[in-house]
């Protein structure tokens, strides 16, 4: 099971979605990102590795 995380992206971007993207990440991949907030659980694939278990 994955969760949606608001992560730090391109902080110089003027667009909110690029500066703080919301990604579905698995437990392994979330450690590679700076997490701003944790969201709900999801069945979406992991944005980094594509895990869909």
N, C-alpha and C. Protein backbone atom coordinates (compact mmCIF):
# COMPACT_ATOMS: atom_id res chain seq x y z
N UNK A 1 0.86 -1.18 0.00
CA UNK A 1 0.00 0.00 0.00
C UNK A 1 0.89 1.23 0.00
N UNK A 2 0.54 2.17 -0.82
CA UNK A 2 1.29 3.42 -0.91
C UNK A 2 0.47 4.56 -0.31
N UNK A 3 1.12 5.69 -0.13
CA UNK A 3 0.45 6.89 0.37
C UNK A 3 0.78 8.05 -0.53
N UNK A 4 -0.09 9.04 -0.52
CA UNK A 4 0.20 10.30 -1.22
C UNK A 4 1.03 11.17 -0.29
N UNK A 5 2.12 11.71 -0.81
CA UNK A 5 2.99 12.58 -0.04
C UNK A 5 3.17 13.89 -0.80
N UNK A 6 3.11 15.01 -0.10
CA UNK A 6 3.48 16.30 -0.67
C UNK A 6 4.97 16.41 -0.46
N UNK A 7 5.71 16.53 -1.55
CA UNK A 7 7.16 16.53 -1.49
C UNK A 7 7.72 17.87 -1.96
N UNK A 8 8.99 18.08 -1.66
CA UNK A 8 9.65 19.29 -2.13
C UNK A 8 10.19 19.03 -3.52
N UNK A 9 9.78 19.86 -4.47
CA UNK A 9 10.23 19.72 -5.85
C UNK A 9 11.10 20.90 -6.23
N UNK A 10 10.76 21.55 -7.32
CA UNK A 10 11.50 22.71 -7.80
C UNK A 10 10.99 23.94 -7.05
N UNK A 11 11.66 24.32 -5.97
CA UNK A 11 11.18 25.42 -5.13
C UNK A 11 11.29 26.78 -5.83
N UNK A 12 12.01 26.86 -6.93
CA UNK A 12 12.12 28.11 -7.68
C UNK A 12 10.99 28.27 -8.69
N UNK A 13 10.17 27.24 -8.84
CA UNK A 13 9.06 27.29 -9.79
C UNK A 13 7.94 28.19 -9.26
N UNK A 14 7.27 28.85 -10.18
CA UNK A 14 6.14 29.70 -9.80
C UNK A 14 4.84 28.91 -9.68
N UNK A 15 4.85 27.68 -10.17
CA UNK A 15 3.66 26.85 -10.12
C UNK A 15 3.70 25.97 -8.87
N UNK A 16 2.62 25.96 -8.12
CA UNK A 16 2.51 25.20 -6.88
C UNK A 16 2.73 23.70 -7.12
N UNK A 17 2.20 23.17 -8.22
CA UNK A 17 2.29 21.73 -8.50
C UNK A 17 3.73 21.29 -8.78
N UNK A 18 4.56 22.19 -9.30
CA UNK A 18 5.96 21.85 -9.55
C UNK A 18 6.82 22.08 -8.32
N UNK A 19 6.47 23.08 -7.52
CA UNK A 19 7.24 23.39 -6.32
C UNK A 19 7.01 22.34 -5.23
N UNK A 20 5.78 21.89 -5.09
CA UNK A 20 5.42 20.90 -4.07
C UNK A 20 4.51 19.85 -4.67
N UNK A 21 5.07 18.93 -5.48
CA UNK A 21 4.23 17.91 -6.11
C UNK A 21 3.69 16.89 -5.11
N UNK A 22 2.50 16.39 -5.38
CA UNK A 22 1.90 15.32 -4.57
C UNK A 22 2.13 14.02 -5.32
N UNK A 23 2.89 13.11 -4.71
CA UNK A 23 3.25 11.85 -5.36
C UNK A 23 2.78 10.66 -4.54
N UNK A 24 2.40 9.59 -5.24
CA UNK A 24 2.12 8.32 -4.59
C UNK A 24 3.45 7.59 -4.49
N UNK A 25 3.90 7.31 -3.27
CA UNK A 25 5.20 6.67 -3.07
C UNK A 25 5.08 5.46 -2.15
N UNK A 26 5.92 4.45 -2.40
CA UNK A 26 5.96 3.28 -1.53
C UNK A 26 6.92 3.56 -0.37
N UNK A 27 6.95 2.67 0.60
CA UNK A 27 7.79 2.85 1.78
C UNK A 27 9.27 2.91 1.44
N UNK A 28 9.70 2.19 0.41
CA UNK A 28 11.11 2.18 0.02
C UNK A 28 11.53 3.52 -0.59
N UNK A 29 10.69 4.06 -1.45
CA UNK A 29 11.05 5.26 -2.22
C UNK A 29 10.86 6.57 -1.47
N UNK A 30 10.00 6.60 -0.47
CA UNK A 30 9.70 7.84 0.23
C UNK A 30 10.94 8.41 0.91
N UNK A 31 11.90 7.58 1.26
CA UNK A 31 13.12 8.06 1.92
C UNK A 31 14.01 8.87 0.98
N UNK A 32 13.76 8.80 -0.33
CA UNK A 32 14.55 9.56 -1.31
C UNK A 32 14.03 10.97 -1.52
N UNK A 33 12.96 11.34 -0.84
CA UNK A 33 12.32 12.65 -1.03
C UNK A 33 12.27 13.42 0.29
N UNK A 34 12.18 14.73 0.18
CA UNK A 34 11.91 15.58 1.33
C UNK A 34 10.40 15.70 1.42
N UNK A 35 9.81 15.12 2.46
CA UNK A 35 8.36 15.07 2.60
C UNK A 35 7.87 16.27 3.41
N UNK A 36 6.92 17.00 2.85
CA UNK A 36 6.30 18.14 3.52
C UNK A 36 5.12 17.66 4.36
N UNK A 37 4.26 16.82 3.77
CA UNK A 37 3.13 16.27 4.50
C UNK A 37 2.75 14.91 3.93
N UNK A 38 2.09 14.12 4.76
CA UNK A 38 1.67 12.77 4.41
C UNK A 38 0.17 12.78 4.20
N UNK A 39 -0.29 12.13 3.14
CA UNK A 39 -1.71 12.11 2.83
C UNK A 39 -2.32 10.75 3.05
N UNK A 40 -3.39 10.49 2.32
CA UNK A 40 -4.16 9.26 2.45
C UNK A 40 -3.49 8.10 1.75
N UNK A 41 -3.89 6.89 2.13
CA UNK A 41 -3.41 5.69 1.47
C UNK A 41 -4.02 5.59 0.08
N UNK A 42 -3.30 4.93 -0.82
CA UNK A 42 -3.78 4.83 -2.20
C UNK A 42 -3.36 3.51 -2.82
N UNK A 43 -4.06 3.13 -3.87
CA UNK A 43 -3.70 1.96 -4.66
C UNK A 43 -2.97 2.36 -5.94
N UNK A 44 -2.67 3.66 -6.10
CA UNK A 44 -1.92 4.13 -7.27
C UNK A 44 -0.52 3.55 -7.26
N UNK A 45 0.07 3.44 -8.44
CA UNK A 45 1.45 2.95 -8.54
C UNK A 45 2.42 3.95 -7.93
N UNK A 46 3.55 3.45 -7.46
CA UNK A 46 4.59 4.32 -6.93
C UNK A 46 5.14 5.18 -8.06
N UNK A 47 5.28 6.47 -7.82
CA UNK A 47 5.75 7.40 -8.86
C UNK A 47 7.22 7.18 -9.22
N UNK A 48 8.00 6.61 -8.31
CA UNK A 48 9.43 6.42 -8.57
C UNK A 48 9.73 5.05 -9.15
N UNK A 49 9.32 3.98 -8.48
CA UNK A 49 9.70 2.63 -8.93
C UNK A 49 8.58 1.89 -9.65
N UNK A 50 7.36 2.38 -9.57
CA UNK A 50 6.24 1.74 -10.26
C UNK A 50 5.64 0.54 -9.53
N UNK A 51 6.00 0.34 -8.27
CA UNK A 51 5.48 -0.79 -7.50
C UNK A 51 3.96 -0.73 -7.43
N UNK A 52 3.34 -1.88 -7.66
CA UNK A 52 1.88 -1.97 -7.65
C UNK A 52 1.48 -3.30 -7.03
N UNK A 53 1.72 -3.44 -5.72
CA UNK A 53 1.48 -4.72 -5.07
C UNK A 53 0.14 -4.84 -4.44
